[in-house]
PDB file of N, CA and C in Angstrom:
ATOM      1  N   UNK A   1      17.906 -25.636 -65.170  1.00  0.00           N
ATOM      2  CA  UNK A   1      18.697 -26.007 -64.009  1.00  0.00           C
ATOM      3  C   UNK A   1      18.981 -24.584 -63.245  1.00  0.00           C
ATOM      4  N   UNK A   2      18.887 -24.798 -61.922  1.00  0.00           N
ATOM      5  CA  UNK A   2      19.059 -23.648 -60.997  1.00  0.00           C
ATOM      6  C   UNK A   2      20.424 -23.825 -60.436  1.00  0.00           C
ATOM      7  N   UNK A   3      21.312 -22.843 -60.543  1.00  0.00           N
ATOM      8  CA  UNK A   3      22.644 -22.831 -60.020  1.00  0.00           C
ATOM      9  C   UNK A   3      22.681 -21.757 -58.833  1.00  0.00           C
ATOM     10  N   UNK A   4      23.076 -22.296 -57.650  1.00  0.00           N
ATOM     11  CA  UNK A   4      23.142 -21.465 -56.542  1.00  0.00           C
ATOM     12  C   UNK A   4      24.479 -21.550 -55.748  1.00  0.00           C
ATOM     13  N   UNK A   5      25.098 -20.501 -55.340  1.00  0.00           N
ATOM     14  CA  UNK A   5      26.274 -20.591 -54.613  1.00  0.00           C
ATOM     15  C   UNK A   5      26.069 -20.191 -53.148  1.00  0.00           C
ATOM     16  N   UNK A   6      26.855 -20.860 -52.337  1.00  0.00           N
ATOM     17  CA  UNK A   6      26.685 -20.564 -50.885  1.00  0.00           C
ATOM     18  C   UNK A   6      27.070 -19.012 -50.719  1.00  0.00           C
ATOM     19  N   UNK A   7      26.077 -18.285 -50.122  1.00  0.00           N
ATOM     20  CA  UNK A   7      26.260 -16.965 -49.680  1.00  0.00           C
ATOM     21  C   UNK A   7      27.469 -16.745 -48.888  1.00  0.00           C
ATOM     22  N   UNK A   8      27.551 -17.409 -47.772  1.00  0.00           N
ATOM     23  CA  UNK A   8      28.587 -17.191 -46.787  1.00  0.00           C
ATOM     24  C   UNK A   8      30.022 -17.491 -47.500  1.00  0.00           C
ATOM     25  N   UNK A   9      30.118 -18.535 -48.284  1.00  0.00           N
ATOM     26  CA  UNK A   9      31.430 -18.957 -48.979  1.00  0.00           C
ATOM     27  C   UNK A   9      31.792 -17.906 -49.929  1.00  0.00           C
ATOM     28  N   UNK A  10      30.677 -17.363 -50.686  1.00  0.00           N
ATOM     29  CA  UNK A  10      31.101 -16.315 -51.720  1.00  0.00           C
ATOM     30  C   UNK A  10      31.625 -15.141 -50.927  1.00  0.00           C
ATOM     31  N   UNK A  11      31.036 -14.575 -49.918  1.00  0.00           N
ATOM     32  CA  UNK A  11      31.324 -13.307 -49.087  1.00  0.00           C
ATOM     33  C   UNK A  11      32.705 -13.645 -48.525  1.00  0.00           C
ATOM     34  N   UNK A  12      32.886 -14.721 -47.909  1.00  0.00           N
ATOM     35  CA  UNK A  12      34.191 -15.022 -47.290  1.00  0.00           C
ATOM     36  C   UNK A  12      35.282 -14.984 -48.405  1.00  0.00           C
ATOM     37  N   UNK A  13      35.089 -15.235 -49.484  1.00  0.00           N
ATOM     38  CA  UNK A  13      36.075 -15.216 -50.632  1.00  0.00           C
ATOM     39  C   UNK A  13      36.135 -13.797 -51.382  1.00  0.00           C
ATOM     40  N   UNK A  14      35.349 -12.887 -50.875  1.00  0.00           N
ATOM     41  CA  UNK A  14      35.371 -11.540 -51.477  1.00  0.00           C
ATOM     42  C   UNK A  14      34.504 -11.486 -52.737  1.00  0.00           C
ATOM     43  N   UNK A  15      33.598 -12.361 -52.995  1.00  0.00           N
ATOM     44  CA  UNK A  15      32.711 -12.274 -54.174  1.00  0.00           C
ATOM     45  C   UNK A  15      31.506 -11.637 -53.760  1.00  0.00           C
ATOM     46  N   UNK A  16      31.006 -10.785 -54.697  1.00  0.00           N
ATOM     47  CA  UNK A  16      29.625 -10.242 -54.540  1.00  0.00           C
ATOM     48  C   UNK A  16      28.649 -10.715 -55.558  1.00  0.00           C
ATOM     49  N   UNK A  17      27.348 -10.343 -55.528  1.00  0.00           N
ATOM     50  CA  UNK A  17      26.444 -10.858 -56.473  1.00  0.00           C
ATOM     51  C   UNK A  17      26.850 -10.572 -57.865  1.00  0.00           C
ATOM     52  N   UNK A  18      27.429  -9.416 -58.033  1.00  0.00           N
ATOM     53  CA  UNK A  18      27.824  -9.027 -59.452  1.00  0.00           C
ATOM     54  C   UNK A  18      28.898  -9.685 -59.955  1.00  0.00           C
ATOM     55  N   UNK A  19      29.620 -10.441 -59.227  1.00  0.00           N
ATOM     56  CA  UNK A  19      30.724 -11.451 -59.622  1.00  0.00           C
ATOM     57  C   UNK A  19      30.251 -12.762 -60.130  1.00  0.00           C
ATOM     58  N   UNK A  20      29.038 -13.194 -59.900  1.00  0.00           N
ATOM     59  CA  UNK A  20      28.569 -14.383 -60.203  1.00  0.00           C
ATOM     60  C   UNK A  20      28.140 -14.560 -61.730  1.00  0.00           C
ATOM     61  N   UNK A  21      28.133 -15.752 -62.172  1.00  0.00           N
ATOM     62  CA  UNK A  21      27.842 -15.927 -63.583  1.00  0.00           C
ATOM     63  C   UNK A  21      26.273 -15.569 -63.873  1.00  0.00           C
ATOM     64  N   UNK A  22      25.904 -15.313 -65.138  1.00  0.00           N
ATOM     65  CA  UNK A  22      24.538 -15.090 -65.400  1.00  0.00           C
ATOM     66  C   UNK A  22      23.696 -16.154 -65.036  1.00  0.00           C
ATOM     67  N   UNK A  23      22.591 -15.961 -64.385  1.00  0.00           N
ATOM     68  CA  UNK A  23      21.600 -16.964 -63.945  1.00  0.00           C
ATOM     69  C   UNK A  23      21.915 -17.570 -62.614  1.00  0.00           C
ATOM     70  N   UNK A  24      23.139 -17.272 -62.069  1.00  0.00           N
ATOM     71  CA  UNK A  24      23.550 -17.884 -60.660  1.00  0.00           C
ATOM     72  C   UNK A  24      23.092 -16.798 -59.568  1.00  0.00           C
ATOM     73  N   UNK A  25      22.810 -17.383 -58.514  1.00  0.00           N
ATOM     74  CA  UNK A  25      22.486 -16.564 -57.455  1.00  0.00           C
ATOM     75  C   UNK A  25      22.995 -17.072 -56.074  1.00  0.00           C
ATOM     76  N   UNK A  26      23.240 -16.315 -55.042  1.00  0.00           N
ATOM     77  CA  UNK A  26      23.756 -16.617 -53.813  1.00  0.00           C
ATOM     78  C   UNK A  26      22.475 -17.268 -52.965  1.00  0.00           C
ATOM     79  N   UNK A  27      22.704 -18.304 -52.176  1.00  0.00           N
ATOM     80  CA  UNK A  27      21.777 -18.780 -51.316  1.00  0.00           C
ATOM     81  C   UNK A  27      22.287 -19.150 -49.983  1.00  0.00           C
ATOM     82  N   UNK A  28      21.469 -19.302 -49.047  1.00  0.00           N
ATOM     83  CA  UNK A  28      21.861 -19.627 -47.638  1.00  0.00           C
ATOM     84  C   UNK A  28      21.579 -21.003 -47.157  1.00  0.00           C
ATOM     85  N   UNK A  29      21.792 -21.279 -46.023  1.00  0.00           N
ATOM     86  CA  UNK A  29      21.800 -22.470 -45.441  1.00  0.00           C
ATOM     87  C   UNK A  29      20.374 -23.083 -45.517  1.00  0.00           C
ATOM     88  N   UNK A  30      19.404 -22.303 -45.429  1.00  0.00           N
ATOM     89  CA  UNK A  30      18.011 -22.876 -45.518  1.00  0.00           C
ATOM     90  C   UNK A  30      17.757 -23.348 -46.857  1.00  0.00           C
ATOM     91  N   UNK A  31      18.226 -22.642 -47.986  1.00  0.00           N
ATOM     92  CA  UNK A  31      18.076 -23.223 -49.238  1.00  0.00           C
ATOM     93  C   UNK A  31      18.737 -24.547 -49.545  1.00  0.00           C
ATOM     94  N   UNK A  32      19.956 -24.664 -48.973  1.00  0.00           N
ATOM     95  CA  UNK A  32      20.602 -25.864 -48.941  1.00  0.00           C
ATOM     96  C   UNK A  32      19.965 -27.099 -48.429  1.00  0.00           C
ATOM     97  N   UNK A  33      19.343 -26.765 -47.171  1.00  0.00           N
ATOM     98  CA  UNK A  33      18.705 -27.777 -46.559  1.00  0.00           C
ATOM     99  C   UNK A  33      17.492 -28.244 -47.263  1.00  0.00           C
ATOM    100  N   UNK A  34      16.793 -27.298 -47.904  1.00  0.00           N
ATOM    101  CA  UNK A  34      15.657 -27.641 -48.794  1.00  0.00           C
ATOM    102  C   UNK A  34      15.988 -28.379 -50.048  1.00  0.00           C
ATOM    103  N   UNK A  35      17.116 -28.024 -50.657  1.00  0.00           N
ATOM    104  CA  UNK A  35      17.580 -28.758 -51.806  1.00  0.00           C
ATOM    105  C   UNK A  35      17.941 -30.128 -51.574  1.00  0.00           C
ATOM    106  N   UNK A  36      18.648 -30.317 -50.342  1.00  0.00           N
ATOM    107  CA  UNK A  36      19.005 -31.729 -50.003  1.00  0.00           C
ATOM    108  C   UNK A  36      17.798 -32.542 -49.605  1.00  0.00           C
ATOM    109  N   UNK A  37      16.972 -31.962 -48.997  1.00  0.00           N
ATOM    110  CA  UNK A  37      15.577 -32.866 -48.668  1.00  0.00           C
ATOM    111  C   UNK A  37      14.905 -33.177 -49.839  1.00  0.00           C
ATOM    112  N   UNK A  38      14.909 -32.391 -50.928  1.00  0.00           N
ATOM    113  CA  UNK A  38      14.129 -32.618 -52.100  1.00  0.00           C
ATOM    114  C   UNK A  38      14.810 -33.471 -53.078  1.00  0.00           C
ATOM    115  N   UNK A  39      16.241 -33.717 -52.983  1.00  0.00           N
ATOM    116  CA  UNK A  39      17.050 -34.303 -53.891  1.00  0.00           C
ATOM    117  C   UNK A  39      16.852 -35.863 -53.811  1.00  0.00           C
ATOM    118  N   UNK A  40      17.066 -36.442 -54.994  1.00  0.00           N
ATOM    119  CA  UNK A  40      17.224 -37.996 -54.988  1.00  0.00           C
ATOM    120  C   UNK A  40      18.585 -38.339 -54.534  1.00  0.00           C
ATOM    121  N   UNK A  41      19.460 -37.639 -54.925  1.00  0.00           N
ATOM    122  CA  UNK A  41      20.980 -37.936 -54.527  1.00  0.00           C
ATOM    123  C   UNK A  41      21.646 -36.659 -54.300  1.00  0.00           C
ATOM    124  N   UNK A  42      22.686 -36.689 -53.340  1.00  0.00           N
ATOM    125  CA  UNK A  42      23.585 -35.463 -53.002  1.00  0.00           C
ATOM    126  C   UNK A  42      24.924 -35.827 -53.132  1.00  0.00           C
ATOM    127  N   UNK A  43      25.706 -35.071 -53.906  1.00  0.00           N
ATOM    128  CA  UNK A  43      27.283 -35.316 -53.789  1.00  0.00           C
ATOM    129  C   UNK A  43      27.818 -34.166 -52.926  1.00  0.00           C
ATOM    130  N   UNK A  44      28.789 -34.566 -52.145  1.00  0.00           N
ATOM    131  CA  UNK A  44      29.560 -33.581 -51.293  1.00  0.00           C
ATOM    132  C   UNK A  44      31.047 -33.682 -51.579  1.00  0.00           C
ATOM    133  N   UNK A  45      31.644 -32.663 -51.967  1.00  0.00           N
ATOM    134  CA  UNK A  45      33.159 -32.733 -52.111  1.00  0.00           C
ATOM    135  C   UNK A  45      33.822 -32.009 -50.986  1.00  0.00           C
ATOM    136  N   UNK A  46      34.834 -32.457 -50.539  1.00  0.00           N
ATOM    137  CA  UNK A  46      35.565 -31.834 -49.390  1.00  0.00           C
ATOM    138  C   UNK A  46      36.869 -32.602 -49.154  1.00  0.00           C
ATOM    139  N   UNK A  47      37.593 -32.074 -48.150  1.00  0.00           N
ATOM    140  CA  UNK A  47      38.879 -32.562 -47.699  1.00  0.00           C
ATOM    141  C   UNK A  47      38.725 -34.019 -47.245  1.00  0.00           C
TER     142      UNK A  47
END
């Protein structure tokens, strides 16, 4: 399983790549769009 965090969200919260868990990486909006396009289902959590 590939775990990716939103790069903009991480930076906004003051996290750098070195703060991420092992095997996790920061990704951008293009990666998110590709993941959503290729997924069978997408869950979105928000207010």
